[in-house]
Each structure stands twice: as C-alpha cells, then as structure tokens.
C-alpha cells in the first residue's frame, strides 16, 4: 500500500513517514499542495494524508481537485485547524476523516487502517457493494440487479456515504454536513428530497431504509 503525505512541516512529515514505513507502507512525501497533486496524479497512491495550511496551493483546494479527479481516493485531513467550520468544509469536499494536531501516531495509524479496509473491489474501476447494490465510483453509477442508474453529484455522494456505513444508521445531520457542507440550514429538507430521488431511481428494490427519528440505513442484504 502506498500513502501520500502532503505536509509542509519537515518534522511532522518525517515523523509520519518513518512511522508508516515501519508499519510496512510505501510513503511519498510532498511539502506543498501543487507537488502533492502532481504526485497523486502521476504516481498514484492508496490514501492521502493532507495538511490544510500548505504553500502554493492550500489543502482544501487540493481536496477539491482530488474529489473531482479521483473520488475513490480516501483522504485523511491532519490539521492544526480545529474549528467546526473548517472540519465541515473538509467533509463536505470529500475528506473521509479529520484528525487535529497535535495527534498520536497510533490514532492516525488506526484511522488509516479503517479507510484502507473499506469494502471494495478493483475490476476496471472501484466499487462499493452491499447486497445486490453496487456503486461504480469511477463512473458514478449505481447498479441494482440488472438496472444501471446514473446519479447526480449529490445523489452519488449520499449513496457513497450510505454504502461506506452499510448496515449502520447515518443521521440526516451527518449527511447534511458531509455532503452539502456547513452553510446549509440544518432544518433544510434537502437530504430527504435527495433520498426520495435515490429511491425512485433505484426502484421498488431500493435498499435504503428510513430509521424513524434517527436517519437512514442501507440494508446489507
């Protein structure tokens, strides 16, 4: 497994790189956002550890580009910025996890391993599956049985989150913050509207369940 660490502080970059190499990972390092993007596109990696306060190109801009060009690539933000607005911005742009500096390497390693063991298959693409439902991340298409469904950007992100947490309840608030971002009214019904559209597209066999007063769950079988 290859991990790209985009971090401008040499001490932290060295600390994380040495720790990951000791755990058997191959590590690439970049000290600015532009170099990080170049490596992600030219060399490829299985996961990105991303600082936000970077020279040449800031971390959120890097994240936005990665989410557009490589939506299947998991990104873990590690940043000194601990405010809720920045965290929600990061999740809204596609980050899978967010760790605040200073941090424990053991905690970072545990979060990395969670991301790398997500259910996936690589066969002409990147897929998430739960029961009869499959999500082709590269093509942003869902397939349920013989039915292939094209998804809007929001529908794709919502279904992606539900598949990552298949069998677990995902709250409306979490979907709102991670998919739409902090700037949306928490009382908005955009999540419910998106879920209704997804169910309609997936048809009568849609595995998306409503859990009253809690959120939504994607049935595993």
C-alpha atoms as a PDB file:
ATOM      1  CA  UNK A   1       0.000   0.000   0.000  1.00  0.00           C
ATOM      2  CA  UNK A   2       1.288   3.469  -0.923  1.00  0.00           C
ATOM      3  CA  UNK A   3       0.431   6.533   1.147  1.00  0.00           C
ATOM      4  CA  UNK A   4       0.991  10.130   0.085  1.00  0.00           C
ATOM      5  CA  UNK A   5       1.692  12.579   2.914  1.00  0.00           C
ATOM      6  CA  UNK A   6       1.177  16.244   1.959  1.00  0.00           C
ATOM      7  CA  UNK A   7       2.651  18.237   4.837  1.00  0.00           C
ATOM      8  CA  UNK A   8       4.830  21.368   4.779  1.00  0.00           C
ATOM      9  CA  UNK A   9       6.316  20.942   8.276  1.00  0.00           C
ATOM     10  CA  UNK A  10       9.506  18.844   7.812  1.00  0.00           C
ATOM     11  CA  UNK A  11       9.440  17.459  11.352  1.00  0.00           C
ATOM     12  CA  UNK A  12       5.869  16.167  11.036  1.00  0.00           C
ATOM     13  CA  UNK A  13       6.435  14.862   7.517  1.00  0.00           C
ATOM     14  CA  UNK A  14       9.493  12.918   8.679  1.00  0.00           C
ATOM     15  CA  UNK A  15       7.733  11.625  11.809  1.00  0.00           C
ATOM     16  CA  UNK A  16       4.695  10.346   9.906  1.00  0.00           C
ATOM     17  CA  UNK A  17       6.735   8.931   7.020  1.00  0.00           C
ATOM     18  CA  UNK A  18       9.082   6.990   9.292  1.00  0.00           C
ATOM     19  CA  UNK A  19       6.192   5.621  11.311  1.00  0.00           C
ATOM     20  CA  UNK A  20       4.274   4.458   8.253  1.00  0.00           C
ATOM     21  CA  UNK A  21       7.365   2.881   6.684  1.00  0.00           C
ATOM     22  CA  UNK A  22       7.954   0.988   9.937  1.00  0.00           C
ATOM     23  CA  UNK A  23       4.412  -0.388   9.551  1.00  0.00           C
ATOM     24  CA  UNK A  24       5.199  -1.664   6.055  1.00  0.00           C
ATOM     25  CA  UNK A  25       3.695   1.114   3.928  1.00  0.00           C
ATOM     26  CA  UNK A  26       5.377   2.738   0.949  1.00  0.00           C
ATOM     27  CA  UNK A  27       5.378   6.505   1.566  1.00  0.00           C
ATOM     28  CA  UNK A  28       5.576   9.522  -0.729  1.00  0.00           C
ATOM     29  CA  UNK A  29       6.055  12.996   0.716  1.00  0.00           C
ATOM     30  CA  UNK A  30       5.156  16.438  -0.607  1.00  0.00           C
ATOM     31  CA  UNK A  31       5.733  19.782   1.125  1.00  0.00           C
ATOM     32  CA  UNK A  32       3.254  21.886  -0.852  1.00  0.00           C
ATOM     33  CA  UNK A  33      -0.153  21.448  -2.423  1.00  0.00           C
ATOM     34  CA  UNK A  34       0.920  21.598  -6.050  1.00  0.00           C
ATOM     35  CA  UNK A  35       3.575  18.927  -5.579  1.00  0.00           C
ATOM     36  CA  UNK A  36       1.078  16.782  -3.694  1.00  0.00           C
ATOM     37  CA  UNK A  37      -1.426  16.934  -6.541  1.00  0.00           C
ATOM     38  CA  UNK A  38       1.285  16.175  -9.072  1.00  0.00           C
ATOM     39  CA  UNK A  39       2.351  13.055  -7.172  1.00  0.00           C
ATOM     40  CA  UNK A  40      -1.241  11.899  -6.656  1.00  0.00           C
ATOM     41  CA  UNK A  41      -1.894  12.124 -10.385  1.00  0.00           C
ATOM     42  CA  UNK A  42       1.479  10.982 -11.753  1.00  0.00           C
ATOM     43  CA  UNK A  43       2.489   8.248  -9.342  1.00  0.00           C
ATOM     44  CA  UNK A  44      -0.747   7.162  -7.719  1.00  0.00           C
ATOM     45  CA  UNK A  45      -1.451   6.117  -4.145  1.00  0.00           C
ATOM     46  CA  UNK A  46      -3.967   4.275  -1.989  1.00  0.00           C
ATOM     47  CA  UNK A  47      -4.553   7.030   0.580  1.00  0.00           C
ATOM     48  CA  UNK A  48      -3.625  10.676   1.166  1.00  0.00           C
ATOM     49  CA  UNK A  49      -2.780  12.336   4.479  1.00  0.00           C
ATOM     50  CA  UNK A  50      -3.409  16.032   3.915  1.00  0.00           C
ATOM     51  CA  UNK A  51      -2.477  19.150   5.875  1.00  0.00           C
ATOM     52  CA  UNK A  52      -4.616  22.226   5.166  1.00  0.00           C
ATOM     53  CA  UNK A  53      -2.188  25.123   5.645  1.00  0.00           C
ATOM     54  CA  UNK A  54       0.067  24.466   2.678  1.00  0.00           C
ATOM     55  CA  UNK A  55       2.198  26.731   0.465  1.00  0.00           C
ATOM     56  CA  UNK A  56       1.484  27.213  -3.256  1.00  0.00           C
ATOM     57  CA  UNK A  57      -1.939  25.521  -3.034  1.00  0.00           C
ATOM     58  CA  UNK A  58      -3.988  25.214   0.147  1.00  0.00           C
ATOM     59  CA  UNK A  59      -5.255  21.877   1.418  1.00  0.00           C
ATOM     60  CA  UNK A  60      -8.960  22.467   0.719  1.00  0.00           C
ATOM     61  CA  UNK A  61      -8.126  23.288  -2.908  1.00  0.00           C
ATOM     62  CA  UNK A  62      -6.103  20.075  -3.115  1.00  0.00           C
ATOM     63  CA  UNK A  63      -9.021  18.161  -1.614  1.00  0.00           C
ATOM     64  CA  UNK A  64     -11.495  19.704  -4.055  1.00  0.00           C
ATOM     65  CA  UNK A  65      -9.357  18.641  -7.031  1.00  0.00           C
ATOM     66  CA  UNK A  66      -8.815  15.120  -5.691  1.00  0.00           C
ATOM     67  CA  UNK A  67     -12.555  14.700  -5.083  1.00  0.00           C
ATOM     68  CA  UNK A  68     -13.249  15.745  -8.680  1.00  0.00           C
ATOM     69  CA  UNK A  69     -10.500  13.722 -10.375  1.00  0.00           C
ATOM     70  CA  UNK A  70     -10.074  10.757  -8.017  1.00  0.00           C
ATOM     71  CA  UNK A  71     -13.266  10.443  -5.943  1.00  0.00           C
ATOM     72  CA  UNK A  72     -12.395   6.911  -4.817  1.00  0.00           C
ATOM     73  CA  UNK A  73      -9.120   8.015  -3.214  1.00  0.00           C
ATOM     74  CA  UNK A  74      -9.521   8.252   0.588  1.00  0.00           C
ATOM     75  CA  UNK A  75      -8.182  11.468   2.133  1.00  0.00           C
ATOM     76  CA  UNK A  76      -7.481  11.893   5.852  1.00  0.00           C
ATOM     77  CA  UNK A  77      -7.012  15.516   6.903  1.00  0.00           C
ATOM     78  CA  UNK A  78      -4.443  16.158   9.648  1.00  0.00           C
ATOM     79  CA  UNK A  79      -4.526  19.835  10.573  1.00  0.00           C
ATOM     80  CA  UNK A  80      -3.982  22.309  13.383  1.00  0.00           C
ATOM     81  CA  UNK A  81      -7.293  23.919  12.428  1.00  0.00           C
ATOM     82  CA  UNK A  82      -9.812  22.571  14.917  1.00  0.00           C
ATOM     83  CA  UNK A  83     -12.824  24.819  14.272  1.00  0.00           C
ATOM     84  CA  UNK A  84     -16.087  23.173  13.269  1.00  0.00           C
ATOM     85  CA  UNK A  85     -16.492  25.241  10.103  1.00  0.00           C
ATOM     86  CA  UNK A  86     -13.184  24.010   8.673  1.00  0.00           C
ATOM     87  CA  UNK A  87     -13.961  20.410   9.603  1.00  0.00           C
ATOM     88  CA  UNK A  88     -17.365  20.524   7.930  1.00  0.00           C
ATOM     89  CA  UNK A  89     -15.824  22.156   4.881  1.00  0.00           C
ATOM     90  CA  UNK A  90     -13.352  19.289   4.677  1.00  0.00           C
ATOM     91  CA  UNK A  91     -16.036  16.621   4.964  1.00  0.00           C
ATOM     92  CA  UNK A  92     -18.204  18.497   2.501  1.00  0.00           C
ATOM     93  CA  UNK A  93     -15.366  18.396  -0.042  1.00  0.00           C
ATOM     94  CA  UNK A  94     -14.923  14.644   0.330  1.00  0.00           C
ATOM     95  CA  UNK A  95     -12.499  14.011   3.210  1.00  0.00           C
ATOM     96  CA  UNK A  96     -13.043  10.608   4.819  1.00  0.00           C
ATOM     97  CA  UNK A  97     -11.625  11.580   8.227  1.00  0.00           C
ATOM     98  CA  UNK A  98     -10.224  14.559  10.128  1.00  0.00           C
ATOM     99  CA  UNK A  99      -7.541  14.459  12.838  1.00  0.00           C
ATOM    100  CA  UNK A 100      -6.473  17.546  14.782  1.00  0.00           C
ATOM    101  CA  UNK A 101      -2.844  18.370  15.589  1.00  0.00           C
ATOM    102  CA  UNK A 102      -1.142  17.516  17.884  1.00  0.00           C
ATOM    103  CA  UNK A 103      -2.016  13.878  17.333  1.00  0.00           C
ATOM    104  CA  UNK A 104      -0.965  10.395  18.340  1.00  0.00           C
ATOM    105  CA  UNK A 105       0.648   8.330  15.595  1.00  0.00           C
ATOM    106  CA  UNK A 106      -1.194   5.259  16.874  1.00  0.00           C
ATOM    107  CA  UNK A 107      -4.523   7.039  16.393  1.00  0.00           C
ATOM    108  CA  UNK A 108      -3.533   8.174  12.896  1.00  0.00           C
ATOM    109  CA  UNK A 109      -2.499   4.627  12.030  1.00  0.00           C
ATOM    110  CA  UNK A 110      -5.803   3.239  13.293  1.00  0.00           C
ATOM    111  CA  UNK A 111      -7.771   5.727  11.185  1.00  0.00           C
ATOM    112  CA  UNK A 112      -5.682   4.908   8.119  1.00  0.00           C
ATOM    113  CA  UNK A 113      -6.328   1.196   8.547  1.00  0.00           C
ATOM    114  CA  UNK A 114     -10.078   1.807   8.822  1.00  0.00           C
ATOM    115  CA  UNK A 115     -10.038   3.625   5.478  1.00  0.00           C
ATOM    116  CA  UNK A 116      -7.912   1.008   3.744  1.00  0.00           C
ATOM    117  CA  UNK A 117     -10.136  -1.890   4.765  1.00  0.00           C
ATOM    118  CA  UNK A 118     -13.361  -0.417   3.390  1.00  0.00           C
ATOM    119  CA  UNK A 119     -15.274  -2.954   1.238  1.00  0.00           C
ATOM    120  CA  UNK A 120     -14.020  -2.531  -2.289  1.00  0.00           C
ATOM    121  CA  UNK A 121     -13.192  -4.345  -5.465  1.00  0.00           C
ATOM    122  CA  UNK A 122     -10.932  -3.184  -8.273  1.00  0.00           C
ATOM    123  CA  UNK A 123     -12.080  -4.546 -11.612  1.00  0.00           C
ATOM    124  CA  UNK A 124     -11.945  -1.902 -14.330  1.00  0.00           C
ATOM    125  CA  UNK A 125     -12.898   0.530 -11.599  1.00  0.00           C
ATOM    126  CA  UNK A 126     -13.600   1.000  -7.920  1.00  0.00           C
ATOM    127  CA  UNK A 127     -16.767  -0.472  -6.445  1.00  0.00           C
ATOM    128  CA  UNK A 128     -18.596  -0.357  -3.149  1.00  0.00           C
ATOM    129  CA  UNK A 129     -21.118  -3.139  -2.618  1.00  0.00           C
ATOM    130  CA  UNK A 130     -23.848  -4.054  -0.177  1.00  0.00           C
ATOM    131  CA  UNK A 131     -26.093  -6.974  -1.053  1.00  0.00           C
ATOM    132  CA  UNK A 132     -27.345  -6.595  -4.627  1.00  0.00           C
ATOM    133  CA  UNK A 133     -26.378  -2.906  -4.814  1.00  0.00           C
ATOM    134  CA  UNK A 134     -23.044  -1.863  -6.332  1.00  0.00           C
ATOM    135  CA  UNK A 135     -21.654   1.650  -6.756  1.00  0.00           C
ATOM    136  CA  UNK A 136     -19.156   2.204  -9.568  1.00  0.00           C
ATOM    137  CA  UNK A 137     -17.227   5.125  -8.101  1.00  0.00           C
ATOM    138  CA  UNK A 138     -15.237   5.926 -11.240  1.00  0.00           C
ATOM    139  CA  UNK A 139     -18.342   6.143 -13.440  1.00  0.00           C
ATOM    140  CA  UNK A 140     -20.592   7.458 -10.653  1.00  0.00           C
ATOM    141  CA  UNK A 141     -23.215   4.867 -11.480  1.00  0.00           C
ATOM    142  CA  UNK A 142     -25.244   2.566  -9.273  1.00  0.00           C
ATOM    143  CA  UNK A 143     -26.347  -0.908 -10.248  1.00  0.00           C
ATOM    144  CA  UNK A 144     -29.110  -2.861  -8.525  1.00  0.00           C
ATOM    145  CA  UNK A 145     -29.586  -6.227 -10.177  1.00  0.00           C
ATOM    146  CA  UNK A 146     -29.685  -5.587 -13.928  1.00  0.00           C
ATOM    147  CA  UNK A 147     -30.634  -1.925 -13.516  1.00  0.00           C
ATOM    148  CA  UNK A 148     -27.905   0.672 -14.115  1.00  0.00           C
ATOM    149  CA  UNK A 149     -28.599   4.120 -12.661  1.00  0.00           C
ATOM    150  CA  UNK A 150     -26.841   7.400 -13.455  1.00  0.00           C
ATOM    151  CA  UNK A 151     -26.526   9.651 -10.404  1.00  0.00           C
ATOM    152  CA  UNK A 152     -26.295  13.377  -9.830  1.00  0.00           C
ATOM    153  CA  UNK A 153     -23.320  14.626  -7.811  1.00  0.00           C
ATOM    154  CA  UNK A 154     -25.313  14.858  -4.558  1.00  0.00           C
ATOM    155  CA  UNK A 155     -27.034  11.516  -5.106  1.00  0.00           C
ATOM    156  CA  UNK A 156     -23.672   9.881  -5.683  1.00  0.00           C
ATOM    157  CA  UNK A 157     -22.177  11.360  -2.501  1.00  0.00           C
ATOM    158  CA  UNK A 158     -25.159  10.385  -0.354  1.00  0.00           C
ATOM    159  CA  UNK A 159     -25.188   6.820  -1.684  1.00  0.00           C
ATOM    160  CA  UNK A 160     -21.400   6.633  -1.290  1.00  0.00           C
ATOM    161  CA  UNK A 161     -21.700   7.580   2.403  1.00  0.00           C
ATOM    162  CA  UNK A 162     -24.527   5.099   2.991  1.00  0.00           C
ATOM    163  CA  UNK A 163     -22.568   2.275   1.346  1.00  0.00           C
ATOM    164  CA  UNK A 164     -19.481   3.045   3.418  1.00  0.00           C
ATOM    165  CA  UNK A 165     -21.661   2.651   6.518  1.00  0.00           C
ATOM    166  CA  UNK A 166     -23.846  -0.197   5.205  1.00  0.00           C
ATOM    167  CA  UNK A 167     -25.931  -1.704   7.989  1.00  0.00           C
ATOM    168  CA  UNK A 168     -25.441   1.342  10.227  1.00  0.00           C
ATOM    169  CA  UNK A 169     -27.746   4.301  10.747  1.00  0.00           C
ATOM    170  CA  UNK A 170     -26.466   7.548   9.205  1.00  0.00           C
ATOM    171  CA  UNK A 171     -28.156  10.652  10.582  1.00  0.00           C
ATOM    172  CA  UNK A 172     -29.626  13.402   8.427  1.00  0.00           C
ATOM    173  CA  UNK A 173     -27.305  15.844  10.191  1.00  0.00           C
ATOM    174  CA  UNK A 174     -24.233  13.864   9.213  1.00  0.00           C
ATOM    175  CA  UNK A 175     -25.316  13.603   5.587  1.00  0.00           C
ATOM    176  CA  UNK A 176     -26.124  17.311   5.522  1.00  0.00           C
ATOM    177  CA  UNK A 177     -22.716  18.315   6.900  1.00  0.00           C
ATOM    178  CA  UNK A 178     -20.614  15.836   4.902  1.00  0.00           C
ATOM    179  CA  UNK A 179     -22.380  16.164   1.542  1.00  0.00           C
ATOM    180  CA  UNK A 180     -23.804  19.691   1.487  1.00  0.00           C
ATOM    181  CA  UNK A 181     -21.476  21.473   3.921  1.00  0.00           C
ATOM    182  CA  UNK A 182     -21.930  23.657   6.961  1.00  0.00           C
ATOM    183  CA  UNK A 183     -23.540  26.571   5.088  1.00  0.00           C
ATOM    184  CA  UNK A 184     -26.865  24.732   4.594  1.00  0.00           C
ATOM    185  CA  UNK A 185     -29.696  25.325   7.023  1.00  0.00           C
ATOM    186  CA  UNK A 186     -29.803  22.356   9.461  1.00  0.00           C
ATOM    187  CA  UNK A 187     -33.599  22.414   9.142  1.00  0.00           C
ATOM    188  CA  UNK A 188     -33.442  22.061   5.368  1.00  0.00           C
ATOM    189  CA  UNK A 189     -35.156  19.052   3.775  1.00  0.00           C
ATOM    190  CA  UNK A 190     -32.538  18.652   1.007  1.00  0.00           C
ATOM    191  CA  UNK A 191     -31.404  15.295   2.457  1.00  0.00           C
ATOM    192  CA  UNK A 192     -34.936  13.888   2.422  1.00  0.00           C
ATOM    193  CA  UNK A 193     -35.501  15.112  -1.131  1.00  0.00           C
ATOM    194  CA  UNK A 194     -32.255  13.504  -2.289  1.00  0.00           C
ATOM    195  CA  UNK A 195     -33.147  10.208  -0.590  1.00  0.00           C
ATOM    196  CA  UNK A 196     -36.564  10.202  -2.282  1.00  0.00           C
ATOM    197  CA  UNK A 197     -34.896  10.718  -5.665  1.00  0.00           C
ATOM    198  CA  UNK A 198     -32.427   7.922  -4.992  1.00  0.00           C
ATOM    199  CA  UNK A 199     -35.208   5.535  -4.014  1.00  0.00           C
ATOM    200  CA  UNK A 200     -37.165   6.424  -7.134  1.00  0.00           C
ATOM    201  CA  UNK A 201     -34.122   5.813  -9.331  1.00  0.00           C
ATOM    202  CA  UNK A 202     -33.285   2.516  -7.618  1.00  0.00           C
ATOM    203  CA  UNK A 203     -36.878   1.338  -7.949  1.00  0.00           C
ATOM    204  CA  UNK A 204     -39.013  -0.870  -5.692  1.00  0.00           C
ATOM    205  CA  UNK A 205     -35.995  -2.908  -4.574  1.00  0.00           C
ATOM    206  CA  UNK A 206     -34.191   0.127  -3.155  1.00  0.00           C
ATOM    207  CA  UNK A 207     -32.272  -0.992  -0.017  1.00  0.00           C
ATOM    208  CA  UNK A 208     -32.368   2.479   1.603  1.00  0.00           C
ATOM    209  CA  UNK A 209     -34.348   2.310   4.840  1.00  0.00           C
ATOM    210  CA  UNK A 210     -35.684   5.142   6.989  1.00  0.00           C
ATOM    211  CA  UNK A 211     -34.986   4.755  10.704  1.00  0.00           C
ATOM    212  CA  UNK A 212     -37.525   6.937  12.456  1.00  0.00           C
ATOM    213  CA  UNK A 213     -36.067   9.858  14.425  1.00  0.00           C
ATOM    214  CA  UNK A 214     -32.539   8.612  13.637  1.00  0.00           C
ATOM    215  CA  UNK A 215     -31.711   8.830   9.924  1.00  0.00           C
ATOM    216  CA  UNK A 216     -31.194   6.380   7.082  1.00  0.00           C
ATOM    217  CA  UNK A 217     -29.689   2.936   6.770  1.00  0.00           C
ATOM    218  CA  UNK A 218     -28.636   0.936   3.748  1.00  0.00           C
ATOM    219  CA  UNK A 219     -29.569  -2.714   4.157  1.00  0.00           C
ATOM    220  CA  UNK A 220     -26.594  -5.052   3.685  1.00  0.00           C
ATOM    221  CA  UNK A 221     -28.580  -7.871   2.094  1.00  0.00           C
END
